[in-house]
Amino acid sequence: MFSGTPAEDFPRVEEQLLGLIREAREEVGGRQDPRSRAEALLGFLHERVLVRYDERQTRIDVLLDSGSYNCVSSGVLYALAAKSLGFRVWGVRTEDHAFCRIQAGSEAFDVETTSPFGFDPGTRKEFTDSFGKVTGYTYVPPSSYRKREDIGERGLLGLILYNRTAFLSDRKVYPQAVSPAVDAHALLGDRESYERMIVSFLNLGSWYGLNRDFARGVDFITRMAAWYPEPRLSSLREDLLHNWVLSLVEQREFEATEALLDVQRSAGGMTEAEWKSLTVYLYQMKAQEAARANFAVAAGLIEEGLRKAGPDEALQRSFEVYVHNEVVSLMRAKKLQDALTVIGRALNVAPRSALLRKDHSRVTAELGRQ
């Protein structure tokens, strides 16, 4: 299940696995010496099923069907078979590798499962000679690895999930990378698994944003942030929502933009400051669009924005400019009385506007000359 085997294949794969373990018991289970039995098991698996190393091949069904494996899938297979023979076996992890360690009698041995010569490999010259041919890597005896860490059985299974998340993320298949990351945290419950899970959330949310699927991105991150109150999730949600609004405005979907802003504000999904900033931007863009045909309509929209968002310098300046442009148009058309009416009404909205007062003086002077 952890390796990504489809659920419908579970019975078949389980039967393959149990069949292989039965063969292993028959082939090597009769050996009395624990070390000999543990070493022979590794040789049996390589002779019987482990055929080709593939760094990204973590799936147990693929391993059983084709013989393709990596350090994690081969390690898990060896651990399962060794447990069936009565051994205690656990995982060991380094910075970029994993292998097994097995208790055989009074001693414990490293088992590099990617090679048929990998039992107690630090003592085996032939392992060093063959390993490069098997995997393409220069072998370092496990005892020499830096940051070597025993991770137990649970940790070895967790590496399957880590592998899947990492490989899917590398291929930018972010929607599928989330599930194994969540499973890993449910299984391990430690800081690393938590961090990997949060990163998978962030990757998917950002991927939605890059694909301009802002609705899904906001919905997904909102739900994840409700379960995991993580500042990075909250920050990404704000960015996605902000970009969603800008995208709607860019598409001139003004009604949808305003509805989104108001819903988010009422639901507490947006700060008051962000709501006001984006509402101001929305009305600026609505007015800009209207001004192509009619300055009076543009000024009316800005006035509406002022009533909704409250006092705002940017809206105030826009209001003055659009009214000024309307007054200039009326003066050129010799409609001085209409211009005076427009200014008088506008001064009720912006009584301290120097520009509008100057326009008022110009219109009044022009009327006086008539």
Protein backbone atom coordinates (compact mmCIF):
# COMPACT_ATOMS: atom_id res chain seq x y z
CA MET A 1 0.00 0.00 0.00
CA PHE A 2 2.74 2.46 0.95
CA SER A 3 4.68 1.76 -2.23
CA GLY A 4 1.73 2.76 -4.42
CA THR A 5 0.51 -0.64 -5.54
CA PRO A 6 -3.06 -0.26 -6.87
CA ALA A 7 -5.61 -1.66 -4.40
CA GLU A 8 -7.04 -4.03 -6.97
CA ASP A 9 -3.61 -5.69 -7.27
CA PHE A 10 -3.20 -6.32 -3.52
CA PRO A 11 -4.37 -9.98 -3.57
CA ARG A 12 -2.13 -10.88 -6.49
CA VAL A 13 0.93 -9.11 -5.10
CA GLU A 14 0.38 -10.49 -1.62
CA GLU A 15 0.24 -14.01 -3.02
CA GLN A 16 3.46 -13.38 -4.97
CA LEU A 17 5.15 -12.07 -1.83
CA LEU A 18 3.99 -14.94 0.37
CA GLY A 19 5.00 -17.42 -2.30
CA LEU A 20 8.50 -15.92 -2.43
CA ILE A 21 8.77 -16.10 1.36
CA ARG A 22 7.70 -19.76 1.34
CA GLU A 23 10.43 -20.47 -1.20
CA ALA A 24 12.96 -18.64 0.97
CA ARG A 25 12.04 -20.75 3.99
CA GLU A 26 12.45 -23.92 1.98
CA GLU A 27 15.73 -22.77 0.40
CA VAL A 28 17.61 -21.27 3.34
CA GLY A 29 15.42 -21.74 6.43
CA GLY A 30 17.00 -25.07 7.33
CA ARG A 31 20.46 -23.62 7.93
CA GLN A 32 21.34 -23.80 11.60
CA ASP A 33 23.91 -21.01 11.75
CA PRO A 34 22.06 -17.64 12.00
CA ARG A 35 24.69 -15.71 10.10
CA SER A 36 24.78 -18.26 7.31
CA ARG A 37 20.97 -18.23 7.11
CA ALA A 38 20.78 -14.40 7.00
CA GLU A 39 23.51 -14.20 4.35
CA ALA A 40 22.02 -16.96 2.25
CA LEU A 41 18.67 -15.16 2.28
CA LEU A 42 20.23 -12.14 0.58
CA GLY A 43 21.78 -14.35 -2.08
CA PHE A 44 18.48 -16.15 -2.62
CA LEU A 45 16.57 -12.90 -3.17
CA HIS A 46 19.12 -11.69 -5.72
CA GLU A 47 19.09 -14.99 -7.50
CA ARG A 48 15.31 -15.28 -7.42
CA VAL A 49 13.88 -11.76 -7.85
CA LEU A 50 16.30 -8.81 -7.47
CA VAL A 51 17.47 -8.28 -11.04
CA ARG A 52 18.09 -4.62 -11.84
CA TYR A 53 18.86 -1.57 -9.68
CA ASP A 54 16.78 1.53 -10.41
CA GLU A 55 17.22 4.47 -8.05
CA ARG A 56 13.55 5.49 -8.35
CA GLN A 57 11.91 2.07 -8.19
CA THR A 58 10.27 1.86 -4.78
CA ARG A 59 7.15 -0.14 -5.65
CA ILE A 60 6.92 -3.69 -4.33
CA ASP A 61 4.62 -4.86 -7.14
CA VAL A 62 7.06 -3.67 -9.81
CA LEU A 63 9.91 -5.34 -7.93
CA LEU A 64 8.08 -8.67 -7.82
CA ASP A 65 6.90 -8.41 -11.44
CA SER A 66 10.07 -7.16 -13.10
CA GLY A 67 12.93 -7.45 -10.60
CA SER A 68 13.56 -3.71 -10.65
CA TYR A 69 14.41 -2.27 -7.21
CA ASN A 70 16.14 0.47 -5.23
CA CYS A 71 17.74 0.48 -1.79
CA VAL A 72 14.41 0.99 -0.02
CA SER A 73 12.26 -1.56 -1.84
CA SER A 74 14.98 -4.20 -1.69
CA GLY A 75 15.54 -3.40 1.98
CA VAL A 76 11.86 -3.82 2.80
CA LEU A 77 11.70 -7.09 0.87
CA TYR A 78 14.74 -8.43 2.72
CA ALA A 79 13.31 -7.31 6.07
CA LEU A 80 9.99 -9.06 5.42
CA ALA A 81 11.68 -12.28 4.38
CA ALA A 82 14.16 -12.14 7.29
CA LYS A 83 11.36 -11.63 9.82
CA SER A 84 9.61 -14.69 8.40
CA LEU A 85 12.78 -16.66 9.21
CA GLY A 86 12.71 -15.46 12.81
CA PHE A 87 15.25 -12.63 12.62
CA ARG A 88 15.02 -9.20 14.16
CA VAL A 89 15.78 -6.75 11.39
CA TRP A 90 15.59 -2.97 11.10
CA GLY A 91 16.41 -0.12 8.79
CA VAL A 92 19.48 2.13 8.79
CA ARG A 93 19.50 5.47 7.05
CA THR A 94 22.27 7.80 5.90
CA GLU A 95 22.04 11.17 4.15
CA ASP A 96 21.17 9.63 0.79
CA HIS A 97 20.94 5.89 1.25
CA ALA A 98 19.28 3.11 3.25
CA PHE A 99 20.09 -0.49 4.10
CA CYS A 100 19.21 -3.11 6.69
CA ARG A 101 20.77 -4.34 9.89
CA ILE A 102 20.01 -7.84 11.15
CA GLN A 103 20.51 -9.54 14.50
CA ALA A 104 21.97 -12.96 13.68
CA GLY A 105 22.76 -14.84 16.87
CA SER A 106 24.80 -12.71 19.25
CA GLU A 107 25.95 -10.31 16.53
CA ALA A 108 24.28 -7.67 14.36
CA PHE A 109 25.32 -7.20 10.73
CA ASP A 110 24.80 -4.55 8.08
CA VAL A 111 23.05 -5.79 4.95
CA GLU A 112 23.45 -3.74 1.78
CA THR A 113 20.47 -5.21 -0.03
CA THR A 114 21.29 -3.67 -3.42
CA SER A 115 24.08 -6.23 -3.94
CA PRO A 116 24.21 -10.01 -3.68
CA PHE A 117 27.52 -9.50 -1.85
CA GLY A 118 26.03 -6.99 0.57
CA PHE A 119 25.97 -9.04 3.77
CA ASP A 120 28.44 -7.50 6.24
CA PRO A 121 29.84 -5.57 3.26
CA GLY A 122 32.68 -3.85 5.05
CA THR A 123 34.45 -7.20 5.19
CA ARG A 124 33.74 -8.24 1.59
CA LYS A 125 36.20 -7.28 -1.13
CA GLU A 126 34.03 -8.76 -3.86
CA PHE A 127 31.20 -6.43 -2.84
CA THR A 128 33.37 -3.41 -3.54
CA ASP A 129 34.39 -4.91 -6.86
CA SER A 130 30.81 -5.54 -7.97
CA PHE A 131 28.84 -2.70 -6.49
CA GLY A 132 29.68 -0.14 -9.14
CA LYS A 133 28.42 -2.53 -11.80
CA VAL A 134 25.16 -3.07 -9.95
CA THR A 135 24.19 0.47 -9.03
CA GLY A 136 26.55 2.92 -10.65
CA TYR A 137 27.71 4.22 -7.26
CA THR A 138 31.04 3.85 -5.54
CA TYR A 139 30.41 1.84 -2.41
CA VAL A 140 31.19 3.12 1.08
CA PRO A 141 31.02 0.51 3.84
CA PRO A 142 27.98 1.29 6.02
CA SER A 143 30.18 1.61 9.10
CA SER A 144 31.88 4.56 7.40
CA TYR A 145 28.71 6.48 6.50
CA ARG A 146 28.30 9.88 8.10
CA LYS A 147 25.04 10.58 9.94
CA ARG A 148 24.16 6.93 10.06
CA GLU A 149 20.88 6.43 11.92
CA ASP A 150 18.90 3.37 12.97
CA ILE A 151 15.30 3.92 11.90
CA GLY A 152 13.59 0.65 12.78
CA GLU A 153 10.94 -1.08 10.72
CA ARG A 154 8.56 1.86 10.78
CA GLY A 155 11.28 4.21 9.54
CA LEU A 156 12.13 1.84 6.68
CA LEU A 157 8.50 1.84 5.59
CA GLY A 158 8.47 5.64 5.94
CA LEU A 159 11.31 5.87 3.43
CA ILE A 160 9.04 4.26 0.83
CA LEU A 161 6.60 7.12 1.30
CA TYR A 162 9.39 9.71 1.29
CA ASN A 163 10.71 8.25 -1.97
CA ARG A 164 7.31 8.43 -3.61
CA THR A 165 6.73 12.02 -2.54
CA ALA A 166 10.20 13.08 -3.69
CA PHE A 167 10.04 11.34 -7.06
CA LEU A 168 6.53 12.63 -7.81
CA SER A 169 7.58 16.15 -6.82
CA ASP A 170 10.64 15.94 -9.06
CA ARG A 171 8.27 15.14 -11.93
CA LYS A 172 6.00 18.02 -10.80
CA VAL A 173 3.12 15.62 -10.18
CA TYR A 174 2.26 17.57 -7.05
CA PRO A 175 -1.37 16.41 -6.60
CA GLN A 176 -0.22 12.79 -6.24
CA ALA A 177 2.75 13.70 -4.03
CA VAL A 178 0.55 14.84 -1.14
CA SER A 179 -1.00 11.50 -0.17
CA PRO A 180 2.25 9.60 0.59
CA ALA A 181 3.54 12.64 2.49
CA VAL A 182 0.43 12.64 4.70
CA ASP A 183 0.73 8.87 5.17
CA ALA A 184 4.37 9.25 6.20
CA HIS A 185 3.47 11.78 8.88
CA ALA A 186 0.62 9.59 10.11
CA LEU A 187 3.06 6.67 10.29
CA LEU A 188 6.07 8.43 11.82
CA GLY A 189 4.68 11.51 13.54
CA ASP A 190 8.06 13.22 13.83
CA ARG A 191 9.39 16.63 12.84
CA GLU A 192 10.86 15.49 9.52
CA SER A 193 7.65 13.84 8.36
CA TYR A 194 5.71 16.94 9.40
CA GLU A 195 8.04 19.19 7.42
CA ARG A 196 7.86 16.98 4.33
CA MET A 197 4.07 16.97 4.56
CA ILE A 198 3.86 20.76 4.86
CA VAL A 199 6.22 21.15 1.90
CA SER A 200 3.98 18.86 -0.16
CA PHE A 201 1.02 21.13 0.72
CA LEU A 202 2.99 24.22 -0.26
CA ASN A 203 4.12 22.65 -3.52
CA LEU A 204 0.59 21.72 -4.50
CA GLY A 205 -0.83 25.10 -3.52
CA SER A 206 1.86 26.90 -5.50
CA TRP A 207 1.26 24.56 -8.44
CA TYR A 208 -2.42 25.50 -8.45
CA GLY A 209 -1.38 29.15 -8.45
CA LEU A 210 1.05 28.72 -11.34
CA ASN A 211 -1.74 27.05 -13.29
CA ARG A 212 -4.07 29.93 -12.36
CA ASP A 213 -6.44 27.49 -10.69
CA PHE A 214 -6.77 29.85 -7.76
CA ALA A 215 -10.13 28.55 -6.52
CA ARG A 216 -8.75 25.04 -5.95
CA GLY A 217 -5.53 26.39 -4.53
CA VAL A 218 -7.27 28.57 -1.98
CA ASP A 219 -9.71 25.82 -1.05
CA PHE A 220 -6.94 23.24 -0.61
CA ILE A 221 -4.64 25.44 1.45
CA THR A 222 -7.58 26.69 3.55
CA ARG A 223 -8.46 23.11 4.49
CA MET A 224 -4.85 22.16 5.21
CA ALA A 225 -4.31 25.28 7.33
CA ALA A 226 -7.41 24.42 9.37
CA TRP A 227 -5.79 21.11 10.34
CA TYR A 228 -2.22 22.38 10.61
CA PRO A 229 -2.01 26.02 11.79
CA GLU A 230 1.25 26.61 9.96
CA PRO A 231 2.28 30.22 9.16
CA ARG A 232 3.66 29.20 5.75
CA LEU A 233 0.29 27.82 4.76
CA SER A 234 -1.46 31.01 5.87
CA SER A 235 1.03 33.10 3.92
CA LEU A 236 0.56 31.03 0.76
CA ARG A 237 -3.22 31.26 1.11
CA GLU A 238 -2.98 35.06 1.28
CA ASP A 239 -0.82 35.09 -1.85
CA LEU A 240 -3.17 32.78 -3.75
CA LEU A 241 -6.22 34.80 -2.77
CA HIS A 242 -4.50 38.04 -3.69
CA ASN A 243 -3.50 36.69 -7.09
CA TRP A 244 -6.99 35.27 -7.61
CA VAL A 245 -8.47 38.74 -7.16
CA LEU A 246 -5.91 40.27 -9.52
CA SER A 247 -6.64 37.57 -12.09
CA LEU A 248 -10.38 38.24 -11.99
CA VAL A 249 -9.82 41.98 -12.34
CA GLU A 250 -7.44 41.37 -15.23
CA GLN A 251 -10.24 39.43 -16.95
CA ARG A 252 -12.65 42.32 -16.25
CA GLU A 253 -14.84 40.05 -14.12
CA PHE A 254 -15.63 42.89 -11.75
CA GLU A 255 -18.80 41.49 -10.22
CA ALA A 256 -17.14 38.15 -9.47
CA THR A 257 -14.19 40.00 -7.95
CA GLU A 258 -16.38 42.05 -5.63
CA ALA A 259 -18.37 38.98 -4.61
CA LEU A 260 -15.15 37.08 -3.81
CA LEU A 261 -13.79 39.96 -1.74
CA ASP A 262 -16.99 40.38 0.23
CA VAL A 263 -17.39 36.65 0.89
CA GLN A 264 -13.81 36.34 2.10
CA ARG A 265 -14.18 39.41 4.31
CA SER A 266 -17.40 38.20 5.92
CA ALA A 267 -15.97 34.70 6.45
CA GLY A 268 -12.82 36.04 8.08
CA GLY A 269 -10.68 34.72 5.26
CA MET A 270 -9.07 38.08 4.57
CA THR A 271 -7.74 40.85 6.78
CA GLU A 272 -9.57 44.16 6.76
CA ALA A 273 -6.48 45.89 5.41
CA GLU A 274 -6.16 43.43 2.52
CA TRP A 275 -9.86 43.65 1.76
CA LYS A 276 -9.71 47.45 1.63
CA SER A 277 -6.56 47.50 -0.50
CA LEU A 278 -8.03 45.12 -3.06
CA THR A 279 -11.42 46.80 -3.02
CA VAL A 280 -9.75 50.12 -3.76
CA TYR A 281 -7.84 48.49 -6.61
CA LEU A 282 -11.06 46.95 -7.96
CA TYR A 283 -12.88 50.29 -8.07
CA GLN A 284 -9.86 51.98 -9.61
CA MET A 285 -9.89 49.44 -12.43
CA LYS A 286 -13.66 49.63 -12.86
CA ALA A 287 -13.42 53.41 -13.15
CA GLN A 288 -10.47 53.20 -15.52
CA GLU A 289 -12.51 50.98 -17.81
CA ALA A 290 -15.52 53.31 -17.65
CA ALA A 291 -13.43 56.43 -18.24
CA ARG A 292 -12.73 55.33 -21.79
CA ALA A 293 -16.29 56.30 -22.62
CA ASN A 294 -17.53 58.55 -19.84
CA PHE A 295 -15.66 60.48 -17.14
CA ALA A 296 -18.86 61.05 -15.17
CA VAL A 297 -19.51 57.32 -14.86
CA ALA A 298 -15.91 56.81 -13.79
CA ALA A 299 -16.24 59.48 -11.12
CA GLY A 300 -19.47 57.85 -9.94
CA LEU A 301 -17.75 54.51 -9.58
CA ILE A 302 -14.94 56.06 -7.55
CA GLU A 303 -17.53 57.73 -5.32
CA GLU A 304 -19.17 54.34 -4.83
CA GLY A 305 -15.78 52.91 -3.92
CA LEU A 306 -15.25 55.63 -1.33
CA ARG A 307 -18.57 54.83 0.27
CA LYS A 308 -17.72 51.13 0.41
CA ALA A 309 -14.05 51.20 1.37
CA GLY A 310 -14.03 54.41 3.39
CA PRO A 311 -11.61 57.33 3.12
CA ASP A 312 -8.69 56.59 0.83
CA GLU A 313 -6.20 58.98 -0.71
CA ALA A 314 -5.81 57.07 -3.96
CA LEU A 315 -9.57 56.96 -4.55
CA GLN A 316 -9.87 60.62 -3.57
CA ARG A 317 -7.27 61.64 -6.13
CA SER A 318 -8.92 59.55 -8.83
CA PHE A 319 -12.28 61.11 -8.02
CA GLU A 320 -10.84 64.61 -8.39
CA VAL A 321 -9.16 63.74 -11.70
CA TYR A 322 -12.26 62.17 -13.26
CA VAL A 323 -14.46 65.09 -12.14
CA HIS A 324 -11.88 67.55 -13.47
CA ASN A 325 -11.84 65.75 -16.85
CA GLU A 326 -15.63 65.83 -16.98
CA VAL A 327 -15.65 69.57 -16.17
CA VAL A 328 -13.08 70.27 -18.88
CA SER A 329 -15.21 68.34 -21.39
CA LEU A 330 -18.33 70.31 -20.42
CA MET A 331 -16.47 73.64 -20.63
CA ARG A 332 -15.23 72.79 -24.12
CA ALA A 333 -18.81 72.01 -25.06
CA LYS A 334 -19.84 75.41 -23.61
CA LYS A 335 -22.02 73.70 -21.00
CA LEU A 336 -20.84 75.91 -18.16
CA GLN A 337 -23.93 75.56 -15.99
CA ASP A 338 -23.71 71.77 -16.20
CA ALA A 339 -20.03 72.02 -15.31
CA LEU A 340 -20.83 74.16 -12.28
CA THR A 341 -23.45 71.64 -11.15
CA VAL A 342 -20.93 68.79 -11.47
CA ILE A 343 -18.33 70.69 -9.45
CA GLY A 344 -20.82 71.66 -6.76
CA ARG A 345 -21.84 68.06 -6.25
CA ALA A 346 -18.23 66.89 -6.32
CA LEU A 347 -17.20 69.40 -3.65
CA ASN A 348 -19.71 67.76 -1.33
CA VAL A 349 -17.66 64.58 -1.69
CA ALA A 350 -14.20 66.23 -1.65
CA PRO A 351 -14.64 69.65 -0.03
CA ARG A 352 -10.91 70.19 0.47
CA SER A 353 -9.88 69.44 -3.08
CA ALA A 354 -7.67 72.23 -4.39
CA LEU A 355 -8.14 70.98 -7.96
CA LEU A 356 -11.94 71.10 -7.77
CA ARG A 357 -11.94 74.51 -6.08
CA LYS A 358 -9.72 75.80 -8.88
CA ASP A 359 -12.13 74.34 -11.44
CA HIS A 360 -15.01 76.00 -9.60
CA SER A 361 -13.27 79.35 -9.83
CA ARG A 362 -12.57 78.91 -13.54
CA VAL A 363 -16.16 77.98 -14.36
CA THR A 364 -17.55 80.81 -12.24
CA ALA A 365 -15.22 83.29 -13.91
CA GLU A 366 -16.21 82.06 -17.34
CA LEU A 367 -19.88 82.40 -16.48
CA GLY A 368 -19.22 85.94 -15.24
CA ARG A 369 -17.76 86.89 -18.58
CA GLN A 370 -20.89 85.83 -20.42
